[in-house]
Amino acid sequence: MKNFTISLEALFLVLLLIIGFYGAHLMLKEENNSPGLASPRQESPAMVLVPQQQTDGYAEFPN
């Protein structure tokens, strides 16, 4: 029977694969899903800044 040896690099790659599957499992859990899986979750509406009205640079003085 031949001795089975595995390199440190192979162990590292297997570990990364397991971590990747675990991370994918955490991302796809039902309780954390947003309605569209790829869309970010928005907790509250964003504040929208209304731009100030532009003037042409001339002040209007009453006569």
C-alpha atoms as a PDB file:
ATOM      1  CA  MET A   1       0.000   0.000   0.000  1.00  0.00           C
ATOM      2  CA  LYS A   2       1.278   3.419  -0.940  1.00  0.00           C
ATOM      3  CA  ASN A   3       1.629   6.119   1.716  1.00  0.00           C
ATOM      4  CA  PHE A   4      -0.786   9.005   1.198  1.00  0.00           C
ATOM      5  CA  THR A   5       0.696  12.463   1.695  1.00  0.00           C
ATOM      6  CA  ILE A   6      -0.880  15.826   1.067  1.00  0.00           C
ATOM      7  CA  SER A   7       0.990  19.068   0.746  1.00  0.00           C
ATOM      8  CA  LEU A   8       0.441  22.118   2.879  1.00  0.00           C
ATOM      9  CA  GLU A   9      -0.761  24.029  -0.189  1.00  0.00           C
ATOM     10  CA  ALA A  10      -3.442  21.421  -0.871  1.00  0.00           C
ATOM     11  CA  LEU A  11      -4.637  21.614   2.736  1.00  0.00           C
ATOM     12  CA  PHE A  12      -4.787  25.385   2.450  1.00  0.00           C
ATOM     13  CA  LEU A  13      -6.844  25.185  -0.758  1.00  0.00           C
ATOM     14  CA  VAL A  14      -9.273  22.718   0.825  1.00  0.00           C
ATOM     15  CA  LEU A  15      -9.623  25.033   3.823  1.00  0.00           C
ATOM     16  CA  LEU A  16     -10.345  27.998   1.537  1.00  0.00           C
ATOM     17  CA  LEU A  17     -12.940  25.947  -0.322  1.00  0.00           C
ATOM     18  CA  ILE A  18     -14.707  25.036   2.925  1.00  0.00           C
ATOM     19  CA  ILE A  19     -14.636  28.669   4.084  1.00  0.00           C
ATOM     20  CA  GLY A  20     -16.050  29.766   0.724  1.00  0.00           C
ATOM     21  CA  PHE A  21     -18.940  27.321   0.916  1.00  0.00           C
ATOM     22  CA  TYR A  22     -19.673  28.395   4.488  1.00  0.00           C
ATOM     23  CA  GLY A  23     -19.681  32.066   3.454  1.00  0.00           C
ATOM     24  CA  ALA A  24     -22.022  31.345   0.544  1.00  0.00           C
ATOM     25  CA  HIS A  25     -24.304  29.449   2.914  1.00  0.00           C
ATOM     26  CA  LEU A  26     -24.405  32.435   5.286  1.00  0.00           C
ATOM     27  CA  MET A  27     -25.173  34.844   2.449  1.00  0.00           C
ATOM     28  CA  LEU A  28     -28.041  32.724   1.130  1.00  0.00           C
ATOM     29  CA  LYS A  29     -29.767  32.082   4.462  1.00  0.00           C
ATOM     30  CA  GLU A  30     -33.481  32.856   4.251  1.00  0.00           C
ATOM     31  CA  GLU A  31     -33.749  35.227   7.219  1.00  0.00           C
ATOM     32  CA  ASN A  32     -31.083  37.576   5.857  1.00  0.00           C
ATOM     33  CA  ASN A  33     -32.326  37.741   2.271  1.00  0.00           C
ATOM     34  CA  SER A  34     -33.504  41.000   0.807  1.00  0.00           C
ATOM     35  CA  PRO A  35     -36.399  40.824  -1.711  1.00  0.00           C
ATOM     36  CA  GLY A  36     -34.013  40.805  -4.660  1.00  0.00           C
ATOM     37  CA  LEU A  37     -31.064  38.666  -3.708  1.00  0.00           C
ATOM     38  CA  ALA A  38     -28.495  40.963  -5.313  1.00  0.00           C
ATOM     39  CA  SER A  39     -30.092  44.232  -4.215  1.00  0.00           C
ATOM     40  CA  PRO A  40     -28.788  45.929  -1.080  1.00  0.00           C
ATOM     41  CA  ARG A  41     -31.197  46.221   1.818  1.00  0.00           C
ATOM     42  CA  GLN A  42     -32.404  49.757   2.451  1.00  0.00           C
ATOM     43  CA  GLU A  43     -33.552  50.374   6.005  1.00  0.00           C
ATOM     44  CA  SER A  44     -34.964  53.884   5.543  1.00  0.00           C
ATOM     45  CA  PRO A  45     -35.419  56.222   2.589  1.00  0.00           C
ATOM     46  CA  ALA A  46     -32.367  58.218   1.659  1.00  0.00           C
ATOM     47  CA  MET A  47     -32.323  61.936   2.269  1.00  0.00           C
ATOM     48  CA  VAL A  48     -32.617  63.818  -1.002  1.00  0.00           C
ATOM     49  CA  LEU A  49     -31.094  67.256  -1.207  1.00  0.00           C
ATOM     50  CA  VAL A  50     -33.084  69.641  -3.393  1.00  0.00           C
ATOM     51  CA  PRO A  51     -30.760  71.921  -5.354  1.00  0.00           C
ATOM     52  CA  GLN A  52     -31.201  75.631  -4.740  1.00  0.00           C
ATOM     53  CA  GLN A  53     -32.742  77.664  -7.496  1.00  0.00           C
ATOM     54  CA  GLN A  54     -30.125  79.022  -9.864  1.00  0.00           C
ATOM     55  CA  THR A  55     -30.063  82.769 -10.484  1.00  0.00           C
ATOM     56  CA  ASP A  56     -28.531  84.532 -13.429  1.00  0.00           C
ATOM     57  CA  GLY A  57     -26.239  86.559 -11.187  1.00  0.00           C
ATOM     58  CA  TYR A  58     -28.172  89.832 -11.249  1.00  0.00           C
ATOM     59  CA  ALA A  59     -29.967  90.944  -8.109  1.00  0.00           C
ATOM     60  CA  GLU A  60     -33.484  92.258  -8.564  1.00  0.00           C
ATOM     61  CA  PHE A  61     -33.977  95.545  -6.737  1.00  0.00           C
ATOM     62  CA  PRO A  62     -37.398  97.117  -6.328  1.00  0.00           C
ATOM     63  CA  ASN A  63     -37.818 100.485  -8.070  1.00  0.00           C
END
